[in-house]
Amino acid sequence: MRYGLVIGFLLLCSPWLKANHLLIPMDEGQSNHLKAYGIAYWILRSENEVNWLLNYRGGSFMCEYAPAIQNELMIRGVSYQVISDAQANQILSEIASPALNYDVMKLEKFPRIAVYSPKSAQPWDDAVTLVLTYAEIPYDLIYDDEVLAGNLPKYDWLHLHHEDFTGQYGKFYGTFSNAPWYIEQQKEAEEMASKHGFHKVSQLKLAVAKRIQEFVAGGGFMFAMCSATDSFDIALAAEGIDICERPFDGDQADPQAQSKLDFNRSFAFTNFRLVRDIYEYEFSDIDNKPNERGLRQDNDYFTLFEFSAKWDPIPTMLTQNHTKVINGFYGQTTGFKKRVVKPEGLVMGENKAIGEVKYLHGTMGKGFWTYYGGHDPEDYQHQVGEEHTDLNQHPNSPGYRLILNNILFPAAKKKKQKT
């Protein structure tokens, strides 16, 4: 009996039982950064709040202690610390210091996520769906039918899969026009256009792009990578102009198309020039071509900007990471020439030496958009047909972390922002 009383006393005095908070560090000590975002999302879905500690130990998360959360952390292999109320208050006090570039962003609700992607998308097609699946964050696949049916307001966050909104089938004509997958995708796109009453795929994609524009202007969050970035802007700027040559839509493009572009309609880019050659794997001069970049894999990187957590919480959230220097990676659209970025666009990551913007953010009406150049942060030069990246080999990927920062961004939108 005495032995039992001693054990009971020790358990009551145990710091584990007194602990009232869970700290999920996001610095170099985290064993799985990517799944940590999934934990934060899971907590929000459980109708609990999460504090995102901006710039504190790599952008750590903190929440009230619950056995179910601790169990989920252990199951998913995410590093964590059980801390007392006093320790949590000490951290918050440190973060509040005006002398330190920290802040707390309260995440209040889980964002409803949609990925705009064709049902026939291949495994190599999209880094976002890969990381959402790996992090165990649920999402809905939607495409032209759902967008044109007016379903976008159901969601808080929309990702644009590796997509061509100009109706030129990704400018793959020169290399893959005889490939079965290219022929099938062209057939599917033409059938979709006809189904919705459009004579051309370019007209269908413009209608979709304008619905997405309305979604953002109404308060939505849009994230795009690779060719979905510049092709989206080009489609908006080219509204009412035929920029597709005969192999893409059956007739000649408008020879005066370049002079008719309206850059006021685009989100991020201005004064760009279209690439009219059907055999060239580029939409415009927004993107830095490989021969223009002059970089190799061993010296290709970009640097994240550091923002004031207390005064610029939005870009601070979007740049949370355990490193500020991130390895570069190719895509059909690898990076954006700085000279064509609109002045109101907020550059969050760039390779300054070559004038290339990699990570870009902005507002449209009541909403927000983020463009991220490149295709796969852990595959430098991914080729069509290759196996997709196994994120079990890259659980601490800083390049993939940038994607997941954007996923959690809408969860904080109700917090009063500093201006």
Protein backbone atom coordinates (compact mmCIF):
# COMPACT_ATOMS: atom_id res chain seq x y z
CA MET A 1 0.00 0.00 0.00
CA ARG A 2 2.84 2.38 0.91
CA TYR A 3 4.49 1.57 -2.43
CA GLY A 4 1.27 2.39 -4.26
CA LEU A 5 0.96 5.72 -2.44
CA VAL A 6 4.51 6.66 -3.42
CA ILE A 7 3.86 5.80 -7.07
CA GLY A 8 0.61 7.80 -6.97
CA PHE A 9 2.41 10.80 -5.44
CA LEU A 10 5.12 10.66 -8.12
CA LEU A 11 2.52 10.49 -10.88
CA LEU A 12 0.68 13.49 -9.48
CA CYS A 13 3.94 15.43 -9.38
CA SER A 14 4.90 14.32 -12.90
CA PRO A 15 5.52 17.25 -15.26
CA TRP A 16 3.64 15.28 -17.94
CA LEU A 17 0.44 15.51 -15.94
CA LYS A 18 0.97 19.16 -15.08
CA ALA A 19 1.77 20.02 -18.69
CA ASN A 20 -0.92 22.07 -20.41
CA HIS A 21 0.58 22.69 -23.85
CA LEU A 22 2.21 20.93 -26.78
CA LEU A 23 5.01 22.67 -28.65
CA ILE A 24 5.75 21.43 -32.17
CA PRO A 25 9.16 22.88 -33.08
CA MET A 26 9.81 23.66 -36.73
CA ASP A 27 13.53 24.32 -36.61
CA GLU A 28 16.29 21.84 -37.46
CA GLY A 29 15.20 19.68 -34.53
CA GLN A 30 11.93 18.66 -36.24
CA SER A 31 11.99 15.09 -37.56
CA ASN A 32 9.17 15.63 -40.08
CA HIS A 33 8.35 19.20 -41.03
CA LEU A 34 5.82 18.26 -43.70
CA LYS A 35 3.67 16.04 -41.50
CA ALA A 36 3.76 18.71 -38.78
CA TYR A 37 1.58 20.87 -41.04
CA GLY A 38 -0.80 17.94 -41.33
CA ILE A 39 -0.97 17.78 -37.54
CA ALA A 40 -1.82 21.49 -37.35
CA TYR A 41 -4.59 20.95 -39.90
CA TRP A 42 -5.85 17.88 -38.00
CA ILE A 43 -6.05 19.90 -34.78
CA LEU A 44 -8.07 22.59 -36.54
CA ARG A 45 -10.44 19.97 -37.94
CA SER A 46 -10.92 18.77 -34.37
CA GLU A 47 -12.26 22.26 -33.60
CA ASN A 48 -9.25 23.27 -31.54
CA GLU A 49 -7.09 26.32 -32.07
CA VAL A 50 -3.39 26.38 -32.92
CA ASN A 51 -0.92 29.17 -32.28
CA TRP A 52 1.52 29.63 -35.13
CA LEU A 53 4.66 31.11 -33.57
CA LEU A 54 6.00 33.16 -36.45
CA ASN A 55 9.80 33.07 -36.75
CA TYR A 56 10.07 31.28 -33.39
CA ARG A 57 12.17 28.15 -33.91
CA GLY A 58 11.40 28.02 -37.62
CA GLY A 59 7.71 28.86 -37.29
CA SER A 60 6.67 26.44 -34.57
CA PHE A 61 3.14 25.45 -33.58
CA MET A 62 1.71 25.42 -30.05
CA CYS A 63 -1.63 24.22 -28.76
CA GLU A 64 -3.31 23.13 -25.56
CA TYR A 65 -2.36 19.66 -24.43
CA ALA A 66 -4.69 16.78 -25.24
CA PRO A 67 -3.86 13.05 -25.15
CA ALA A 68 -5.43 12.57 -28.60
CA ILE A 69 -3.11 15.19 -30.13
CA GLN A 70 -0.05 13.71 -28.44
CA ASN A 71 -1.03 10.28 -29.74
CA GLU A 72 -1.42 11.62 -33.28
CA LEU A 73 1.99 13.28 -33.10
CA MET A 74 3.58 9.98 -32.12
CA ILE A 75 1.72 8.03 -34.82
CA ARG A 76 2.83 10.44 -37.56
CA GLY A 77 6.42 10.69 -36.34
CA VAL A 78 6.34 14.42 -35.65
CA SER A 79 8.68 15.84 -33.01
CA TYR A 80 7.05 17.65 -30.10
CA GLN A 81 7.59 18.82 -26.53
CA VAL A 82 5.13 18.71 -23.66
CA ILE A 83 5.43 21.99 -21.75
CA SER A 84 3.76 23.55 -18.74
CA ASP A 85 1.51 26.57 -18.64
CA ALA A 86 4.39 28.58 -17.21
CA GLN A 87 6.71 27.55 -20.05
CA ALA A 88 4.06 28.40 -22.66
CA ASN A 89 3.54 31.82 -21.11
CA GLN A 90 7.28 32.39 -21.06
CA ILE A 91 7.45 31.65 -24.79
CA LEU A 92 4.56 34.02 -25.50
CA SER A 93 6.19 36.71 -23.38
CA GLU A 94 9.43 36.33 -25.31
CA ILE A 95 7.56 36.51 -28.63
CA ALA A 96 5.78 39.71 -27.54
CA SER A 97 9.05 41.55 -27.02
CA PRO A 98 9.33 44.51 -29.43
CA ALA A 99 13.03 43.79 -29.75
CA LEU A 100 12.45 40.37 -31.36
CA ASN A 101 11.08 39.61 -34.81
CA TYR A 102 8.43 37.16 -33.57
CA ASP A 103 4.65 37.15 -33.44
CA VAL A 104 1.75 34.81 -32.74
CA MET A 105 -0.83 34.04 -35.40
CA LYS A 106 -3.89 32.26 -34.07
CA LEU A 107 -5.22 29.63 -36.48
CA GLU A 108 -8.95 29.36 -35.91
CA LYS A 109 -10.48 27.08 -38.55
CA PHE A 110 -9.42 24.53 -41.10
CA PRO A 111 -9.45 25.78 -44.69
CA ARG A 112 -11.53 23.91 -47.26
CA ILE A 113 -9.11 22.98 -50.03
CA ALA A 114 -9.66 22.41 -53.74
CA VAL A 115 -7.11 21.42 -56.37
CA TYR A 116 -7.94 22.38 -59.95
CA SER A 117 -6.68 19.35 -61.84
CA PRO A 118 -7.86 17.14 -64.70
CA LYS A 119 -9.11 13.72 -63.68
CA SER A 120 -6.50 12.18 -66.00
CA ALA A 121 -3.55 13.87 -64.24
CA GLN A 122 -0.47 11.69 -63.99
CA PRO A 123 1.59 11.11 -60.80
CA TRP A 124 4.38 13.41 -61.99
CA ASP A 125 2.00 16.27 -62.66
CA ASP A 126 1.74 18.13 -59.39
CA ALA A 127 3.85 18.76 -56.29
CA VAL A 128 0.90 20.13 -54.30
CA THR A 129 -1.20 16.98 -54.50
CA LEU A 130 1.90 14.99 -53.55
CA VAL A 131 2.57 17.00 -50.41
CA LEU A 132 -1.09 17.25 -49.38
CA THR A 133 -1.35 13.48 -49.57
CA TYR A 134 1.91 12.98 -47.69
CA ALA A 135 0.92 15.48 -44.96
CA GLU A 136 -2.52 13.82 -44.72
CA ILE A 137 -4.39 17.02 -45.52
CA PRO A 138 -7.69 16.33 -47.32
CA TYR A 139 -8.65 18.12 -50.52
CA ASP A 140 -11.21 17.93 -53.34
CA LEU A 141 -10.25 17.56 -56.99
CA ILE A 142 -12.21 19.93 -59.19
CA TYR A 143 -11.91 20.86 -62.83
CA ASP A 144 -13.72 22.81 -65.52
CA ASP A 145 -17.15 21.28 -64.82
CA GLU A 146 -17.06 22.25 -61.15
CA VAL A 147 -15.60 25.72 -61.74
CA LEU A 148 -18.16 26.62 -64.40
CA ALA A 149 -20.95 25.18 -62.23
CA GLY A 150 -20.10 27.82 -59.62
CA ASN A 151 -18.61 25.53 -56.98
CA LEU A 152 -15.56 27.64 -56.07
CA PRO A 153 -17.28 29.56 -53.22
CA LYS A 154 -17.44 26.26 -51.33
CA TYR A 155 -13.69 26.49 -50.78
CA ASP A 156 -11.26 28.77 -49.00
CA TRP A 157 -8.09 27.76 -50.86
CA LEU A 158 -7.58 26.81 -54.48
CA HIS A 159 -4.49 25.37 -56.09
CA LEU A 160 -4.00 25.52 -59.85
CA HIS A 161 -2.37 22.29 -60.99
CA HIS A 162 0.33 22.36 -63.66
CA GLU A 163 -2.03 23.86 -66.24
CA ASP A 164 -2.13 25.81 -69.49
CA PHE A 165 -4.88 28.43 -69.45
CA THR A 166 -4.02 29.71 -72.94
CA GLY A 167 -5.40 26.69 -74.82
CA GLN A 168 -2.04 25.68 -76.31
CA TYR A 169 -1.82 22.30 -74.56
CA GLY A 170 1.24 23.25 -72.56
CA LYS A 171 3.25 24.15 -75.70
CA PHE A 172 4.23 20.46 -75.85
CA TYR A 173 3.46 20.30 -79.58
CA GLY A 174 7.05 20.27 -80.81
CA THR A 175 8.11 17.29 -78.70
CA PHE A 176 5.00 15.32 -77.82
CA SER A 177 2.35 16.00 -80.49
CA ASN A 178 2.38 12.32 -81.52
CA ALA A 179 2.49 10.93 -77.97
CA PRO A 180 -0.68 9.01 -76.99
CA TRP A 181 -1.08 11.00 -73.75
CA TYR A 182 -0.88 14.32 -75.64
CA ILE A 183 -3.45 13.20 -78.21
CA GLU A 184 -5.78 12.00 -75.46
CA GLN A 185 -5.46 15.21 -73.43
CA GLN A 186 -6.19 17.33 -76.51
CA LYS A 187 -9.26 15.22 -77.26
CA GLU A 188 -10.51 15.52 -73.66
CA ALA A 189 -9.98 19.31 -73.67
CA GLU A 190 -11.84 19.77 -76.97
CA GLU A 191 -14.73 17.62 -75.74
CA MET A 192 -14.89 19.67 -72.53
CA ALA A 193 -14.98 22.92 -74.51
CA SER A 194 -17.77 21.63 -76.75
CA LYS A 195 -19.72 20.38 -73.74
CA HIS A 196 -19.79 23.90 -72.29
CA GLY A 197 -20.65 25.57 -75.59
CA PHE A 198 -17.22 26.88 -76.58
CA HIS A 199 -15.75 26.51 -80.07
CA LYS A 200 -12.16 26.55 -78.81
CA VAL A 201 -10.29 25.26 -75.79
CA SER A 202 -8.76 28.72 -75.31
CA GLN A 203 -12.27 30.14 -74.86
CA LEU A 204 -13.11 27.49 -72.26
CA LYS A 205 -9.90 28.14 -70.32
CA LEU A 206 -10.48 31.91 -70.37
CA ALA A 207 -13.97 31.39 -68.92
CA VAL A 208 -12.47 29.19 -66.19
CA ALA A 209 -9.71 31.74 -65.50
CA LYS A 210 -12.30 34.52 -65.11
CA ARG A 211 -14.30 32.42 -62.63
CA ILE A 212 -11.11 31.86 -60.65
CA GLN A 213 -10.42 35.60 -60.80
CA GLU A 214 -13.88 36.21 -59.32
CA PHE A 215 -13.17 33.66 -56.59
CA VAL A 216 -10.01 35.52 -55.57
CA ALA A 217 -11.60 38.96 -55.80
CA GLY A 218 -14.40 37.73 -53.53
CA GLY A 219 -11.96 36.75 -50.77
CA GLY A 220 -10.49 33.41 -51.89
CA PHE A 221 -6.88 32.25 -51.66
CA MET A 222 -5.25 31.05 -54.88
CA PHE A 223 -1.92 29.25 -55.14
CA ALA A 224 -0.27 28.32 -58.44
CA MET A 225 2.98 26.70 -59.53
CA CYS A 226 4.86 26.18 -62.77
CA SER A 227 2.91 26.93 -65.98
CA ALA A 228 -0.32 27.71 -64.11
CA THR A 229 1.27 31.00 -63.06
CA ASP A 230 2.21 32.74 -66.31
CA SER A 231 -0.39 30.99 -68.51
CA PHE A 232 -3.15 32.21 -66.16
CA ASP A 233 -1.96 35.82 -66.41
CA ILE A 234 -1.47 35.55 -70.17
CA ALA A 235 -5.00 34.21 -70.65
CA LEU A 236 -6.47 37.13 -68.71
CA ALA A 237 -4.38 39.71 -70.57
CA ALA A 238 -5.34 38.15 -73.92
CA GLU A 239 -9.09 38.15 -73.37
CA GLY A 240 -10.84 38.50 -76.74
CA ILE A 241 -7.57 37.98 -78.66
CA ASP A 242 -6.64 34.83 -80.60
CA ILE A 243 -3.09 33.95 -79.51
CA CYS A 244 -3.29 30.25 -80.54
CA GLU A 245 -1.75 29.12 -83.82
CA ARG A 246 -3.40 26.63 -86.20
CA PRO A 247 -2.20 23.35 -84.56
CA PHE A 248 -3.93 24.37 -81.33
CA ASP A 249 -7.29 25.71 -82.51
CA GLY A 250 -7.55 25.19 -86.27
CA ASP A 251 -6.92 28.75 -87.43
CA GLN A 252 -4.19 31.37 -87.46
CA ALA A 253 -3.48 33.53 -84.43
CA ASP A 254 -4.09 37.27 -84.59
CA PRO A 255 -0.86 38.74 -86.03
CA GLN A 256 -1.41 41.86 -83.89
CA ALA A 257 -2.00 39.90 -80.69
CA GLN A 258 1.03 41.28 -78.87
CA SER A 259 0.00 44.91 -79.26
CA LYS A 260 -3.56 44.13 -78.11
CA LEU A 261 -2.68 42.58 -74.75
CA ASP A 262 -4.25 44.32 -71.76
CA PHE A 263 -1.84 43.99 -68.82
CA ASN A 264 -4.32 45.64 -66.47
CA ARG A 265 -6.23 42.36 -66.42
CA SER A 266 -3.33 40.18 -65.24
CA PHE A 267 -2.51 39.47 -61.60
CA ALA A 268 1.26 39.61 -61.44
CA PHE A 269 2.96 40.38 -64.75
CA THR A 270 3.15 43.30 -67.16
CA ASN A 271 4.87 44.24 -70.42
CA PHE A 272 5.72 40.64 -71.26
CA ARG A 273 6.08 39.38 -74.82
CA LEU A 274 4.36 36.30 -76.17
CA VAL A 275 6.36 33.43 -77.65
CA ARG A 276 4.59 32.71 -80.94
CA ASP A 277 6.76 29.81 -82.17
CA ILE A 278 4.67 26.62 -81.86
CA TYR A 279 7.83 24.53 -81.47
CA GLU A 280 9.24 26.55 -78.57
CA TYR A 281 8.47 25.27 -75.09
CA GLU A 282 7.58 28.71 -73.69
CA PHE A 283 4.44 30.85 -73.47
CA SER A 284 6.17 34.22 -73.10
CA ASP A 285 9.31 35.93 -71.86
CA ILE A 286 8.01 35.94 -68.28
CA ASP A 287 9.95 32.74 -67.63
CA ASN A 288 13.73 32.51 -67.50
CA LYS A 289 14.85 29.99 -70.11
CA PRO A 290 17.58 27.49 -69.12
CA ASN A 291 20.12 29.11 -71.46
CA GLU A 292 19.31 32.54 -69.97
CA ARG A 293 19.75 31.43 -66.38
CA GLY A 294 23.34 30.19 -66.68
CA LEU A 295 23.03 27.99 -63.59
CA ARG A 296 23.69 24.36 -62.70
CA GLN A 297 22.06 22.27 -60.01
CA ASP A 298 24.99 22.82 -57.66
CA ASN A 299 24.72 26.64 -57.75
CA ASP A 300 21.00 27.12 -58.33
CA TYR A 301 19.22 28.48 -55.28
CA PHE A 302 16.93 31.28 -54.17
CA THR A 303 16.74 33.26 -50.95
CA LEU A 304 13.64 34.01 -48.89
CA PHE A 305 13.10 37.58 -47.75
CA GLU A 306 12.76 38.30 -44.05
CA PHE A 307 9.69 40.30 -43.11
CA SER A 308 8.59 41.95 -39.87
CA ALA A 309 6.43 39.41 -38.07
CA LYS A 310 4.62 42.09 -36.07
CA TRP A 311 3.94 44.43 -38.99
CA ASP A 312 3.90 42.15 -42.04
CA PRO A 313 2.27 38.94 -40.77
CA ILE A 314 1.06 37.67 -44.14
CA PRO A 315 4.42 37.41 -45.95
CA THR A 316 5.98 36.30 -42.69
CA MET A 317 3.55 33.37 -42.54
CA LEU A 318 4.22 32.45 -46.15
CA THR A 319 8.00 32.40 -45.70
CA GLN A 320 8.22 30.34 -42.49
CA ASN A 321 11.10 27.89 -42.80
CA HIS A 322 14.12 26.39 -41.07
CA THR A 323 16.41 27.91 -43.72
CA LYS A 324 16.34 31.06 -45.81
CA VAL A 325 18.36 29.62 -48.72
CA ILE A 326 16.48 27.02 -50.76
CA ASN A 327 17.66 24.88 -53.65
CA GLY A 328 16.26 25.91 -57.01
CA PHE A 329 14.31 23.60 -59.31
CA TYR A 330 13.08 23.68 -62.87
CA GLY A 331 9.60 23.68 -64.35
CA GLN A 332 8.03 24.67 -67.61
CA THR A 333 7.91 28.01 -65.81
CA THR A 334 10.97 27.97 -63.57
CA GLY A 335 11.07 31.55 -62.34
CA PHE A 336 9.84 35.00 -63.25
CA LYS A 337 11.94 37.77 -64.73
CA LYS A 338 11.86 40.58 -62.22
CA ARG A 339 11.45 43.22 -64.91
CA VAL A 340 7.96 41.90 -65.82
CA VAL A 341 6.66 41.67 -62.23
CA LYS A 342 4.13 44.39 -61.45
CA PRO A 343 5.26 46.94 -58.83
CA GLU A 344 2.46 45.90 -56.49
CA GLY A 345 3.60 42.28 -56.47
CA LEU A 346 5.39 41.30 -53.26
CA VAL A 347 8.60 39.38 -53.92
CA MET A 348 9.13 36.81 -51.15
CA GLY A 349 11.95 34.76 -52.66
CA GLU A 350 14.38 35.45 -55.48
CA ASN A 351 17.73 34.72 -57.06
CA LYS A 352 18.98 38.28 -57.06
CA ALA A 353 22.11 37.51 -59.08
CA ILE A 354 20.10 36.64 -62.19
CA GLY A 355 17.07 38.86 -61.55
CA GLU A 356 14.74 35.91 -61.10
CA VAL A 357 11.71 35.95 -58.80
CA LYS A 358 10.81 32.49 -57.51
CA TYR A 359 8.11 33.18 -54.92
CA LEU A 360 5.59 36.00 -55.40
CA HIS A 361 2.47 37.18 -53.58
CA GLY A 362 -0.25 39.72 -54.08
CA THR A 363 -3.85 40.75 -53.51
CA MET A 364 -6.85 40.87 -55.83
CA GLY A 365 -9.96 42.52 -54.45
CA LYS A 366 -10.64 40.90 -51.07
CA GLY A 367 -8.48 37.86 -51.78
CA PHE A 368 -4.89 36.75 -52.16
CA TRP A 369 -2.74 34.89 -54.67
CA THR A 370 0.70 33.29 -54.50
CA TYR A 371 2.86 32.21 -57.46
CA TYR A 372 5.70 29.72 -56.97
CA GLY A 373 8.00 29.03 -59.93
CA GLY A 374 9.10 25.50 -60.76
CA HIS A 375 7.59 22.04 -60.82
CA ASP A 376 8.93 19.87 -57.98
CA PRO A 377 11.08 21.27 -55.13
CA GLU A 378 12.89 17.96 -54.68
CA ASP A 379 13.45 17.03 -58.34
CA TYR A 380 15.71 19.53 -60.05
CA GLN A 381 14.72 18.81 -63.64
CA HIS A 382 11.73 16.50 -63.69
CA GLN A 383 10.96 14.86 -67.04
CA VAL A 384 7.60 13.76 -68.39
CA GLY A 385 7.05 10.11 -67.54
CA GLU A 386 9.41 9.93 -64.58
CA GLU A 387 8.35 8.43 -61.28
CA HIS A 388 6.93 10.92 -58.82
CA THR A 389 8.97 12.12 -55.86
CA ASP A 390 8.83 9.95 -52.73
CA LEU A 391 8.39 12.46 -49.91
CA ASN A 392 9.30 9.80 -47.36
CA GLN A 393 12.82 10.62 -48.53
CA HIS A 394 12.32 14.38 -48.04
CA PRO A 395 10.31 14.91 -44.81
CA ASN A 396 12.18 18.14 -44.05
CA SER A 397 12.03 19.71 -47.51
CA PRO A 398 12.20 23.52 -47.21
CA GLY A 399 10.90 23.89 -50.77
CA TYR A 400 7.78 21.87 -49.99
CA ARG A 401 7.32 23.77 -46.72
CA LEU A 402 6.54 26.91 -48.73
CA ILE A 403 3.56 25.13 -50.29
CA LEU A 404 2.22 24.10 -46.90
CA ASN A 405 2.63 27.60 -45.46
CA ASN A 406 0.06 28.66 -48.04
CA ILE A 407 -2.29 25.86 -47.01
CA LEU A 408 -2.53 27.21 -43.45
CA PHE A 409 -2.70 30.87 -44.50
CA PRO A 410 -6.54 31.00 -44.77
CA ALA A 411 -6.91 29.61 -41.24
CA ALA A 412 -5.64 32.94 -39.91
CA LYS A 413 -7.54 35.33 -42.12
CA LYS A 414 -9.95 36.47 -39.39
CA LYS A 415 -7.13 37.79 -37.21
CA LYS A 416 -6.88 41.57 -37.21
CA GLN A 417 -4.03 42.45 -39.52
CA LYS A 418 -1.50 45.18 -38.90
CA THR A 419 -0.99 47.71 -41.66
